[in-house]
């Protein structure tokens, strides 16, 4: 409720969501009517920035679809599950705790694999692109790379079938997908390793790949981060760490100069709870300003 434009509308929106859930589970309405009502409600949540309600609604939607998918493992239900997962990501991002979408994403791996086996490449592409972007926004680079590579593979399949434009008008260019892959790869401990380089070169050719890598290097953020963030010890505790930081900051995020309090809490928790010494971007980049 804290991020809503008008908190007084919370109960009204909550009631609308409960009514919509009943409608979605009813057999008395056409699927087209259900989809229209769902889109209208989601647009309303977005316009009011009702992130908390959006998270709750989309998580319950995921639970229902996941249960149905377990009984009837169809591509249509798998698409619905990935769509619901994207909603979970969207609303968590809206309330500045996108890392909390990680368990929901992990639960969708089998559904994603089902769609890949069924050749639903445009659905795979959308989910993997958006998920890679979300992980990139929170600097979870191994996960961002994982989904960027799956998006690349989906785009390659579509282009191989002669599809160069999606229904939403998106133009497909494998070099763009390679740029995203390389942009995430250079943030990981392994970087652009030989295996990745050979795969991309086989698709793009040595000259185009060299251009992509140069573009990645030219656009790279110059902010220095503590290399401890690339170690397995750090990567293994990220979710738990974020939960502890969130508790330490009383679940307040996104305000001006928030990063400074976040980094202070992070440094103390890493040192006291995990024995990890970590330096903040402000310490490692003394000439830069952060807010």
C-alpha atoms as a PDB file:
ATOM      1  CA  UNK A   1       0.000   0.000   0.000  1.00  0.00           C
ATOM      2  CA  UNK A   2       2.946   2.327   0.655  1.00  0.00           C
ATOM      3  CA  UNK A   3       3.657   2.920  -3.063  1.00  0.00           C
ATOM      4  CA  UNK A   4       0.058   3.489  -4.173  1.00  0.00           C
ATOM      5  CA  UNK A   5      -0.960   6.817  -5.674  1.00  0.00           C
ATOM      6  CA  UNK A   6      -4.123   6.843  -3.560  1.00  0.00           C
ATOM      7  CA  UNK A   7      -3.971   4.406  -0.588  1.00  0.00           C
ATOM      8  CA  UNK A   8      -7.657   5.020   0.125  1.00  0.00           C
ATOM      9  CA  UNK A   9      -8.455   2.879  -2.944  1.00  0.00           C
ATOM     10  CA  UNK A  10      -6.712  -0.195  -1.510  1.00  0.00           C
ATOM     11  CA  UNK A  11      -9.798  -1.972  -0.178  1.00  0.00           C
ATOM     12  CA  UNK A  12     -11.792  -1.190  -3.319  1.00  0.00           C
ATOM     13  CA  UNK A  13      -9.067  -2.626  -5.559  1.00  0.00           C
ATOM     14  CA  UNK A  14      -8.660  -5.615  -3.274  1.00  0.00           C
ATOM     15  CA  UNK A  15     -12.385  -6.365  -3.546  1.00  0.00           C
ATOM     16  CA  UNK A  16     -12.222  -6.014  -7.346  1.00  0.00           C
ATOM     17  CA  UNK A  17      -9.386  -8.521  -7.408  1.00  0.00           C
ATOM     18  CA  UNK A  18     -11.317 -11.039  -5.325  1.00  0.00           C
ATOM     19  CA  UNK A  19     -14.327 -10.656  -7.613  1.00  0.00           C
ATOM     20  CA  UNK A  20     -12.114 -11.125 -10.663  1.00  0.00           C
ATOM     21  CA  UNK A  21     -10.610 -14.302  -9.232  1.00  0.00           C
ATOM     22  CA  UNK A  22     -14.096 -15.768  -8.910  1.00  0.00           C
ATOM     23  CA  UNK A  23     -14.870 -14.758 -12.485  1.00  0.00           C
ATOM     24  CA  UNK A  24     -11.670 -16.360 -13.799  1.00  0.00           C
ATOM     25  CA  UNK A  25     -12.524 -19.653 -12.123  1.00  0.00           C
ATOM     26  CA  UNK A  26     -16.132 -19.617 -13.301  1.00  0.00           C
ATOM     27  CA  UNK A  27     -17.354 -21.707 -16.240  1.00  0.00           C
ATOM     28  CA  UNK A  28     -20.157 -19.244 -17.006  1.00  0.00           C
ATOM     29  CA  UNK A  29     -18.014 -16.711 -18.841  1.00  0.00           C
ATOM     30  CA  UNK A  30     -16.249 -16.875 -22.201  1.00  0.00           C
ATOM     31  CA  UNK A  31     -12.444 -16.859 -22.221  1.00  0.00           C
ATOM     32  CA  UNK A  32     -12.475 -13.601 -24.172  1.00  0.00           C
ATOM     33  CA  UNK A  33     -14.523 -11.929 -21.418  1.00  0.00           C
ATOM     34  CA  UNK A  34     -12.163 -13.285 -18.759  1.00  0.00           C
ATOM     35  CA  UNK A  35      -9.108 -11.989 -20.584  1.00  0.00           C
ATOM     36  CA  UNK A  36     -10.708  -8.589 -21.051  1.00  0.00           C
ATOM     37  CA  UNK A  37     -11.564  -8.316 -17.352  1.00  0.00           C
ATOM     38  CA  UNK A  38      -8.055  -9.456 -16.383  1.00  0.00           C
ATOM     39  CA  UNK A  39      -6.351  -6.898 -18.604  1.00  0.00           C
ATOM     40  CA  UNK A  40      -8.633  -4.126 -17.330  1.00  0.00           C
ATOM     41  CA  UNK A  41      -7.819  -4.978 -13.690  1.00  0.00           C
ATOM     42  CA  UNK A  42      -4.073  -5.226 -14.312  1.00  0.00           C
ATOM     43  CA  UNK A  43      -4.096  -1.856 -16.066  1.00  0.00           C
ATOM     44  CA  UNK A  44      -5.904  -0.397 -13.060  1.00  0.00           C
ATOM     45  CA  UNK A  45      -3.332  -1.836 -10.645  1.00  0.00           C
ATOM     46  CA  UNK A  46      -0.546  -0.389 -12.774  1.00  0.00           C
ATOM     47  CA  UNK A  47      -2.126   3.039 -13.042  1.00  0.00           C
ATOM     48  CA  UNK A  48      -2.605   3.168  -9.254  1.00  0.00           C
ATOM     49  CA  UNK A  49       0.826   1.634  -8.613  1.00  0.00           C
ATOM     50  CA  UNK A  50      -0.878  -0.943  -6.396  1.00  0.00           C
ATOM     51  CA  UNK A  51       2.187  -3.180  -6.302  1.00  0.00           C
ATOM     52  CA  UNK A  52       1.313  -5.059  -3.114  1.00  0.00           C
ATOM     53  CA  UNK A  53      -2.098  -6.057  -4.451  1.00  0.00           C
ATOM     54  CA  UNK A  54      -0.530  -6.899  -7.808  1.00  0.00           C
ATOM     55  CA  UNK A  55       1.976  -9.265  -6.209  1.00  0.00           C
ATOM     56  CA  UNK A  56      -0.700 -11.035  -4.182  1.00  0.00           C
ATOM     57  CA  UNK A  57      -3.070 -11.337  -7.140  1.00  0.00           C
ATOM     58  CA  UNK A  58      -0.430 -12.572  -9.598  1.00  0.00           C
ATOM     59  CA  UNK A  59       1.034 -15.077  -7.121  1.00  0.00           C
ATOM     60  CA  UNK A  60      -2.410 -16.591  -6.562  1.00  0.00           C
ATOM     61  CA  UNK A  61      -2.900 -16.668 -10.322  1.00  0.00           C
ATOM     62  CA  UNK A  62       0.399 -18.548 -10.650  1.00  0.00           C
ATOM     63  CA  UNK A  63      -0.658 -21.056  -8.000  1.00  0.00           C
ATOM     64  CA  UNK A  64      -3.925 -21.870  -9.771  1.00  0.00           C
ATOM     65  CA  UNK A  65      -2.291 -22.214 -13.190  1.00  0.00           C
ATOM     66  CA  UNK A  66       0.551 -24.320 -11.777  1.00  0.00           C
ATOM     67  CA  UNK A  67      -1.953 -26.704 -10.198  1.00  0.00           C
ATOM     68  CA  UNK A  68      -3.828 -27.029 -13.492  1.00  0.00           C
ATOM     69  CA  UNK A  69      -0.573 -27.516 -15.407  1.00  0.00           C
ATOM     70  CA  UNK A  70       0.447 -30.349 -13.089  1.00  0.00           C
ATOM     71  CA  UNK A  71      -2.768 -32.196 -13.964  1.00  0.00           C
ATOM     72  CA  UNK A  72      -2.855 -31.198 -17.663  1.00  0.00           C
ATOM     73  CA  UNK A  73       0.679 -30.379 -18.910  1.00  0.00           C
ATOM     74  CA  UNK A  74      -0.313 -28.449 -22.027  1.00  0.00           C
ATOM     75  CA  UNK A  75       1.505 -25.678 -23.873  1.00  0.00           C
ATOM     76  CA  UNK A  76      -1.420 -23.283 -23.360  1.00  0.00           C
ATOM     77  CA  UNK A  77      -1.252 -23.662 -19.589  1.00  0.00           C
ATOM     78  CA  UNK A  78       2.535 -23.336 -19.680  1.00  0.00           C
ATOM     79  CA  UNK A  79       2.137 -20.015 -21.516  1.00  0.00           C
ATOM     80  CA  UNK A  80      -0.374 -18.879 -18.891  1.00  0.00           C
ATOM     81  CA  UNK A  81       2.076 -19.772 -16.119  1.00  0.00           C
ATOM     82  CA  UNK A  82       4.916 -17.803 -17.694  1.00  0.00           C
ATOM     83  CA  UNK A  83       2.591 -14.831 -18.219  1.00  0.00           C
ATOM     84  CA  UNK A  84       1.578 -14.929 -14.548  1.00  0.00           C
ATOM     85  CA  UNK A  85       5.243 -15.127 -13.576  1.00  0.00           C
ATOM     86  CA  UNK A  86       6.001 -12.009 -15.615  1.00  0.00           C
ATOM     87  CA  UNK A  87       3.253 -10.248 -13.649  1.00  0.00           C
ATOM     88  CA  UNK A  88       4.899 -11.330 -10.396  1.00  0.00           C
ATOM     89  CA  UNK A  89       8.179  -9.869 -11.639  1.00  0.00           C
ATOM     90  CA  UNK A  90       6.528  -6.643 -12.766  1.00  0.00           C
ATOM     91  CA  UNK A  91       4.778  -5.937  -9.473  1.00  0.00           C
ATOM     92  CA  UNK A  92       7.776  -6.861  -7.351  1.00  0.00           C
ATOM     93  CA  UNK A  93       9.867  -4.468  -9.436  1.00  0.00           C
ATOM     94  CA  UNK A  94       7.243  -1.787  -8.845  1.00  0.00           C
ATOM     95  CA  UNK A  95       7.735  -2.091  -5.087  1.00  0.00           C
ATOM     96  CA  UNK A  96      11.548  -2.272  -5.369  1.00  0.00           C
ATOM     97  CA  UNK A  97      11.972  -5.888  -4.261  1.00  0.00           C
ATOM     98  CA  UNK A  98      12.406  -7.653  -7.592  1.00  0.00           C
ATOM     99  CA  UNK A  99      14.658 -10.292  -6.029  1.00  0.00           C
ATOM    100  CA  UNK A 100      11.544 -11.730  -4.382  1.00  0.00           C
ATOM    101  CA  UNK A 101      10.340 -12.882  -7.814  1.00  0.00           C
ATOM    102  CA  UNK A 102      13.261 -15.341  -7.991  1.00  0.00           C
ATOM    103  CA  UNK A 103      11.427 -18.359  -6.453  1.00  0.00           C
ATOM    104  CA  UNK A 104       8.498 -17.821  -8.820  1.00  0.00           C
ATOM    105  CA  UNK A 105      10.862 -17.756 -11.798  1.00  0.00           C
ATOM    106  CA  UNK A 106      12.632 -20.897 -10.636  1.00  0.00           C
ATOM    107  CA  UNK A 107       9.279 -22.698 -10.381  1.00  0.00           C
ATOM    108  CA  UNK A 108       8.644 -22.026 -14.081  1.00  0.00           C
ATOM    109  CA  UNK A 109      11.640 -23.906 -15.481  1.00  0.00           C
ATOM    110  CA  UNK A 110       9.699 -27.044 -16.401  1.00  0.00           C
ATOM    111  CA  UNK A 111       6.971 -24.961 -18.073  1.00  0.00           C
ATOM    112  CA  UNK A 112       9.616 -23.114 -20.065  1.00  0.00           C
ATOM    113  CA  UNK A 113      11.158 -26.396 -21.127  1.00  0.00           C
ATOM    114  CA  UNK A 114       7.729 -27.690 -22.188  1.00  0.00           C
ATOM    115  CA  UNK A 115       7.291 -24.672 -24.475  1.00  0.00           C
ATOM    116  CA  UNK A 116      10.756 -25.147 -25.964  1.00  0.00           C
ATOM    117  CA  UNK A 117       9.961 -28.781 -26.714  1.00  0.00           C
ATOM    118  CA  UNK A 118       6.641 -27.701 -28.239  1.00  0.00           C
ATOM    119  CA  UNK A 119       8.326 -25.051 -30.395  1.00  0.00           C
ATOM    120  CA  UNK A 120       6.492 -22.072 -28.876  1.00  0.00           C
ATOM    121  CA  UNK A 121       9.517 -19.899 -29.511  1.00  0.00           C
ATOM    122  CA  UNK A 122       7.850 -16.489 -29.473  1.00  0.00           C
ATOM    123  CA  UNK A 123       6.462 -17.179 -25.985  1.00  0.00           C
ATOM    124  CA  UNK A 124       9.856 -18.470 -24.846  1.00  0.00           C
ATOM    125  CA  UNK A 125      11.539 -15.391 -26.297  1.00  0.00           C
ATOM    126  CA  UNK A 126       9.283 -12.895 -24.542  1.00  0.00           C
ATOM    127  CA  UNK A 127       9.562 -14.596 -21.163  1.00  0.00           C
ATOM    128  CA  UNK A 128      13.332 -15.013 -21.336  1.00  0.00           C
ATOM    129  CA  UNK A 129      13.953 -11.467 -22.581  1.00  0.00           C
ATOM    130  CA  UNK A 130      11.865  -9.886 -19.812  1.00  0.00           C
ATOM    131  CA  UNK A 131      13.286 -12.187 -17.148  1.00  0.00           C
ATOM    132  CA  UNK A 132      16.874 -11.498 -18.233  1.00  0.00           C
ATOM    133  CA  UNK A 133      16.130  -7.764 -18.053  1.00  0.00           C
ATOM    134  CA  UNK A 134      14.678  -8.103 -14.555  1.00  0.00           C
ATOM    135  CA  UNK A 135      17.703 -10.004 -13.270  1.00  0.00           C
ATOM    136  CA  UNK A 136      19.994  -7.471 -14.910  1.00  0.00           C
ATOM    137  CA  UNK A 137      18.236  -4.617 -13.108  1.00  0.00           C
ATOM    138  CA  UNK A 138      19.111  -6.186  -9.746  1.00  0.00           C
ATOM    139  CA  UNK A 139      22.610  -7.233 -10.875  1.00  0.00           C
ATOM    140  CA  UNK A 140      21.978 -10.960 -10.600  1.00  0.00           C
ATOM    141  CA  UNK A 141      24.254 -11.543 -13.561  1.00  0.00           C
ATOM    142  CA  UNK A 142      24.484 -15.354 -13.760  1.00  0.00           C
ATOM    143  CA  UNK A 143      20.676 -15.566 -13.898  1.00  0.00           C
ATOM    144  CA  UNK A 144      20.482 -12.676 -16.368  1.00  0.00           C
ATOM    145  CA  UNK A 145      22.985 -14.481 -18.596  1.00  0.00           C
ATOM    146  CA  UNK A 146      21.109 -17.768 -18.325  1.00  0.00           C
ATOM    147  CA  UNK A 147      17.862 -16.261 -19.596  1.00  0.00           C
ATOM    148  CA  UNK A 148      19.590 -14.057 -22.164  1.00  0.00           C
ATOM    149  CA  UNK A 149      21.131 -17.196 -23.676  1.00  0.00           C
ATOM    150  CA  UNK A 150      17.747 -18.909 -23.777  1.00  0.00           C
ATOM    151  CA  UNK A 151      16.238 -15.829 -25.416  1.00  0.00           C
ATOM    152  CA  UNK A 152      19.060 -15.916 -27.970  1.00  0.00           C
ATOM    153  CA  UNK A 153      18.330 -19.585 -28.723  1.00  0.00           C
ATOM    154  CA  UNK A 154      14.606 -18.834 -29.129  1.00  0.00           C
ATOM    155  CA  UNK A 155      15.304 -15.952 -31.496  1.00  0.00           C
ATOM    156  CA  UNK A 156      17.656 -18.145 -33.510  1.00  0.00           C
ATOM    157  CA  UNK A 157      14.895 -20.740 -33.897  1.00  0.00           C
ATOM    158  CA  UNK A 158      12.388 -18.111 -35.047  1.00  0.00           C
ATOM    159  CA  UNK A 159      14.780 -16.598 -37.577  1.00  0.00           C
ATOM    160  CA  UNK A 160      15.585 -20.096 -38.799  1.00  0.00           C
ATOM    161  CA  UNK A 161      11.899 -20.521 -39.571  1.00  0.00           C
ATOM    162  CA  UNK A 162      11.917 -17.305 -41.587  1.00  0.00           C
ATOM    163  CA  UNK A 163      10.224 -15.225 -38.887  1.00  0.00           C
ATOM    164  CA  UNK A 164      11.867 -11.808 -38.592  1.00  0.00           C
ATOM    165  CA  UNK A 165       8.986  -9.792 -37.092  1.00  0.00           C
ATOM    166  CA  UNK A 166       6.821 -10.784 -34.130  1.00  0.00           C
ATOM    167  CA  UNK A 167       3.091 -10.086 -33.847  1.00  0.00           C
ATOM    168  CA  UNK A 168       3.817  -7.077 -31.614  1.00  0.00           C
ATOM    169  CA  UNK A 169       6.011  -5.576 -34.332  1.00  0.00           C
ATOM    170  CA  UNK A 170       9.351  -6.443 -32.699  1.00  0.00           C
ATOM    171  CA  UNK A 171      12.083  -6.921 -35.300  1.00  0.00           C
ATOM    172  CA  UNK A 172      14.292  -9.936 -34.713  1.00  0.00           C
ATOM    173  CA  UNK A 173      18.027  -9.397 -35.091  1.00  0.00           C
ATOM    174  CA  UNK A 174      20.357 -12.056 -33.732  1.00  0.00           C
ATOM    175  CA  UNK A 175      23.078  -9.457 -33.212  1.00  0.00           C
ATOM    176  CA  UNK A 176      20.828  -7.623 -30.748  1.00  0.00           C
ATOM    177  CA  UNK A 177      20.309 -10.844 -28.820  1.00  0.00           C
ATOM    178  CA  UNK A 178      24.058 -11.501 -28.900  1.00  0.00           C
ATOM    179  CA  UNK A 179      24.660  -8.002 -27.526  1.00  0.00           C
ATOM    180  CA  UNK A 180      22.421  -8.772 -24.543  1.00  0.00           C
ATOM    181  CA  UNK A 181      24.154 -12.109 -23.968  1.00  0.00           C
ATOM    182  CA  UNK A 182      27.612 -10.531 -24.043  1.00  0.00           C
ATOM    183  CA  UNK A 183      26.523  -7.568 -21.892  1.00  0.00           C
ATOM    184  CA  UNK A 184      25.477  -9.974 -19.150  1.00  0.00           C
ATOM    185  CA  UNK A 185      28.424 -12.321 -19.652  1.00  0.00           C
ATOM    186  CA  UNK A 186      31.054  -9.638 -19.030  1.00  0.00           C
ATOM    187  CA  UNK A 187      29.511  -9.020 -15.614  1.00  0.00           C
ATOM    188  CA  UNK A 188      30.097 -12.616 -14.494  1.00  0.00           C
ATOM    189  CA  UNK A 189      33.289 -14.222 -13.191  1.00  0.00           C
ATOM    190  CA  UNK A 190      33.709 -16.232 -16.398  1.00  0.00           C
ATOM    191  CA  UNK A 191      33.111 -13.337 -18.790  1.00  0.00           C
ATOM    192  CA  UNK A 192      32.785 -14.155 -22.497  1.00  0.00           C
ATOM    193  CA  UNK A 193      34.472 -17.545 -22.341  1.00  0.00           C
ATOM    194  CA  UNK A 194      35.623 -19.683 -25.260  1.00  0.00           C
ATOM    195  CA  UNK A 195      32.458 -21.784 -25.346  1.00  0.00           C
ATOM    196  CA  UNK A 196      30.187 -18.752 -25.567  1.00  0.00           C
ATOM    197  CA  UNK A 197      32.445 -16.999 -28.068  1.00  0.00           C
ATOM    198  CA  UNK A 198      32.566 -20.058 -30.339  1.00  0.00           C
ATOM    199  CA  UNK A 199      28.770 -20.428 -30.255  1.00  0.00           C
ATOM    200  CA  UNK A 200      28.182 -16.793 -31.171  1.00  0.00           C
ATOM    201  CA  UNK A 201      30.880 -16.789 -33.827  1.00  0.00           C
ATOM    202  CA  UNK A 202      29.331 -19.847 -35.482  1.00  0.00           C
ATOM    203  CA  UNK A 203      26.055 -17.924 -35.816  1.00  0.00           C
ATOM    204  CA  UNK A 204      27.252 -14.389 -36.516  1.00  0.00           C
ATOM    205  CA  UNK A 205      30.669 -14.807 -38.045  1.00  0.00           C
ATOM    206  CA  UNK A 206      33.916 -13.497 -36.598  1.00  0.00           C
ATOM    207  CA  UNK A 207      33.522  -9.955 -37.981  1.00  0.00           C
ATOM    208  CA  UNK A 208      29.982  -9.343 -36.683  1.00  0.00           C
ATOM    209  CA  UNK A 209      30.834 -10.860 -33.299  1.00  0.00           C
ATOM    210  CA  UNK A 210      33.844  -8.563 -32.979  1.00  0.00           C
ATOM    211  CA  UNK A 211      31.574  -5.581 -33.664  1.00  0.00           C
ATOM    212  CA  UNK A 212      29.072  -6.771 -31.027  1.00  0.00           C
ATOM    213  CA  UNK A 213      31.779  -7.259 -28.399  1.00  0.00           C
ATOM    214  CA  UNK A 214      33.204  -3.824 -29.116  1.00  0.00           C
ATOM    215  CA  UNK A 215      29.757  -2.275 -28.737  1.00  0.00           C
ATOM    216  CA  UNK A 216      29.378  -4.075 -25.422  1.00  0.00           C
ATOM    217  CA  UNK A 217      32.724  -2.777 -24.197  1.00  0.00           C
ATOM    218  CA  UNK A 218      31.902   0.769 -25.328  1.00  0.00           C
ATOM    219  CA  UNK A 219      28.560   0.774 -23.495  1.00  0.00           C
ATOM    220  CA  UNK A 220      29.807  -0.892 -20.327  1.00  0.00           C
ATOM    221  CA  UNK A 221      29.075   0.870 -17.058  1.00  0.00           C
ATOM    222  CA  UNK A 222      32.351   2.205 -15.667  1.00  0.00           C
ATOM    223  CA  UNK A 223      31.220   1.802 -12.057  1.00  0.00           C
ATOM    224  CA  UNK A 224      33.649  -0.454 -10.191  1.00  0.00           C
ATOM    225  CA  UNK A 225      32.066  -3.164  -8.028  1.00  0.00           C
ATOM    226  CA  UNK A 226      33.661  -5.288  -5.343  1.00  0.00           C
ATOM    227  CA  UNK A 227      34.884  -8.534  -6.966  1.00  0.00           C
ATOM    228  CA  UNK A 228      33.600 -10.448  -3.951  1.00  0.00           C
ATOM    229  CA  UNK A 229      30.191 -10.203  -5.654  1.00  0.00           C
ATOM    230  CA  UNK A 230      31.447 -12.656  -8.287  1.00  0.00           C
ATOM    231  CA  UNK A 231      32.423 -15.361  -5.792  1.00  0.00           C
ATOM    232  CA  UNK A 232      30.325 -18.489  -5.117  1.00  0.00           C
ATOM    233  CA  UNK A 233      30.207 -17.592  -1.415  1.00  0.00           C
ATOM    234  CA  UNK A 234      28.456 -14.315  -2.203  1.00  0.00           C
ATOM    235  CA  UNK A 235      26.238 -15.641  -4.984  1.00  0.00           C
ATOM    236  CA  UNK A 236      24.906 -18.405  -2.745  1.00  0.00           C
ATOM    237  CA  UNK A 237      23.548 -16.022  -0.088  1.00  0.00           C
ATOM    238  CA  UNK A 238      22.098 -13.203  -2.228  1.00  0.00           C
ATOM    239  CA  UNK A 239      18.420 -13.943  -1.603  1.00  0.00           C
ATOM    240  CA  UNK A 240      18.867 -14.372   2.138  1.00  0.00           C
ATOM    241  CA  UNK A 241      21.060 -11.271   2.193  1.00  0.00           C
ATOM    242  CA  UNK A 242      18.391  -9.143   0.513  1.00  0.00           C
ATOM    243  CA  UNK A 243      15.793 -10.362   3.010  1.00  0.00           C
ATOM    244  CA  UNK A 244      18.038  -9.357   5.913  1.00  0.00           C
ATOM    245  CA  UNK A 245      18.748  -5.943   4.391  1.00  0.00           C
ATOM    246  CA  UNK A 246      15.040  -5.408   3.820  1.00  0.00           C
ATOM    247  CA  UNK A 247      14.316  -6.232   7.465  1.00  0.00           C
ATOM    248  CA  UNK A 248      17.101  -3.914   8.634  1.00  0.00           C
ATOM    249  CA  UNK A 249      15.627  -1.040   6.608  1.00  0.00           C
ATOM    250  CA  UNK A 250      12.050  -1.702   7.813  1.00  0.00           C
ATOM    251  CA  UNK A 251      10.977  -2.657   4.288  1.00  0.00           C
ATOM    252  CA  UNK A 252      11.444   0.887   2.994  1.00  0.00           C
ATOM    253  CA  UNK A 253      13.013   1.219  -0.462  1.00  0.00           C
ATOM    254  CA  UNK A 254      13.244   3.491  -3.460  1.00  0.00           C
ATOM    255  CA  UNK A 255      13.561   6.864  -1.738  1.00  0.00           C
ATOM    256  CA  UNK A 256      16.213   9.524  -2.460  1.00  0.00           C
ATOM    257  CA  UNK A 257      19.644   8.480  -1.150  1.00  0.00           C
ATOM    258  CA  UNK A 258      18.256   5.026  -0.348  1.00  0.00           C
ATOM    259  CA  UNK A 259      21.357   3.422  -1.833  1.00  0.00           C
ATOM    260  CA  UNK A 260      23.579   4.834   0.920  1.00  0.00           C
ATOM    261  CA  UNK A 261      21.526   3.293   3.713  1.00  0.00           C
ATOM    262  CA  UNK A 262      21.203   0.084   1.703  1.00  0.00           C
ATOM    263  CA  UNK A 263      24.972  -0.189   1.248  1.00  0.00           C
ATOM    264  CA  UNK A 264      25.636   0.510   4.926  1.00  0.00           C
ATOM    265  CA  UNK A 265      23.210  -2.222   5.991  1.00  0.00           C
ATOM    266  CA  UNK A 266      24.620  -4.594   3.382  1.00  0.00           C
ATOM    267  CA  UNK A 267      28.210  -4.045   4.501  1.00  0.00           C
ATOM    268  CA  UNK A 268      27.349  -4.645   8.167  1.00  0.00           C
ATOM    269  CA  UNK A 269      25.273  -7.777   7.490  1.00  0.00           C
ATOM    270  CA  UNK A 270      27.872  -9.295   5.167  1.00  0.00           C
ATOM    271  CA  UNK A 271      30.611  -8.746   7.738  1.00  0.00           C
ATOM    272  CA  UNK A 272      28.679  -9.750  10.869  1.00  0.00           C
ATOM    273  CA  UNK A 273      26.553 -12.622   9.532  1.00  0.00           C
ATOM    274  CA  UNK A 274      28.768 -14.100   6.836  1.00  0.00           C
ATOM    275  CA  UNK A 275      32.303 -12.945   7.553  1.00  0.00           C
ATOM    276  CA  UNK A 276      32.474 -11.336   4.107  1.00  0.00           C
ATOM    277  CA  UNK A 277      34.246  -8.001   3.759  1.00  0.00           C
ATOM    278  CA  UNK A 278      32.571  -5.922   1.063  1.00  0.00           C
ATOM    279  CA  UNK A 279      33.101  -2.406  -0.227  1.00  0.00           C
ATOM    280  CA  UNK A 280      30.271  -0.319  -1.630  1.00  0.00           C
ATOM    281  CA  UNK A 281      30.265   1.397  -5.044  1.00  0.00           C
ATOM    282  CA  UNK A 282      30.649   4.713  -3.204  1.00  0.00           C
ATOM    283  CA  UNK A 283      33.868   3.475  -1.582  1.00  0.00           C
ATOM    284  CA  UNK A 284      35.252   2.032  -4.813  1.00  0.00           C
ATOM    285  CA  UNK A 285      34.225   5.008  -6.975  1.00  0.00           C
ATOM    286  CA  UNK A 286      35.032   8.054  -4.813  1.00  0.00           C
ATOM    287  CA  UNK A 287      34.706  10.544  -7.681  1.00  0.00           C
ATOM    288  CA  UNK A 288      31.157   9.445  -8.568  1.00  0.00           C
ATOM    289  CA  UNK A 289      27.922  10.630  -6.972  1.00  0.00           C
ATOM    290  CA  UNK A 290      25.241   8.156  -5.961  1.00  0.00           C
ATOM    291  CA  UNK A 291      21.660   8.793  -4.856  1.00  0.00           C
END
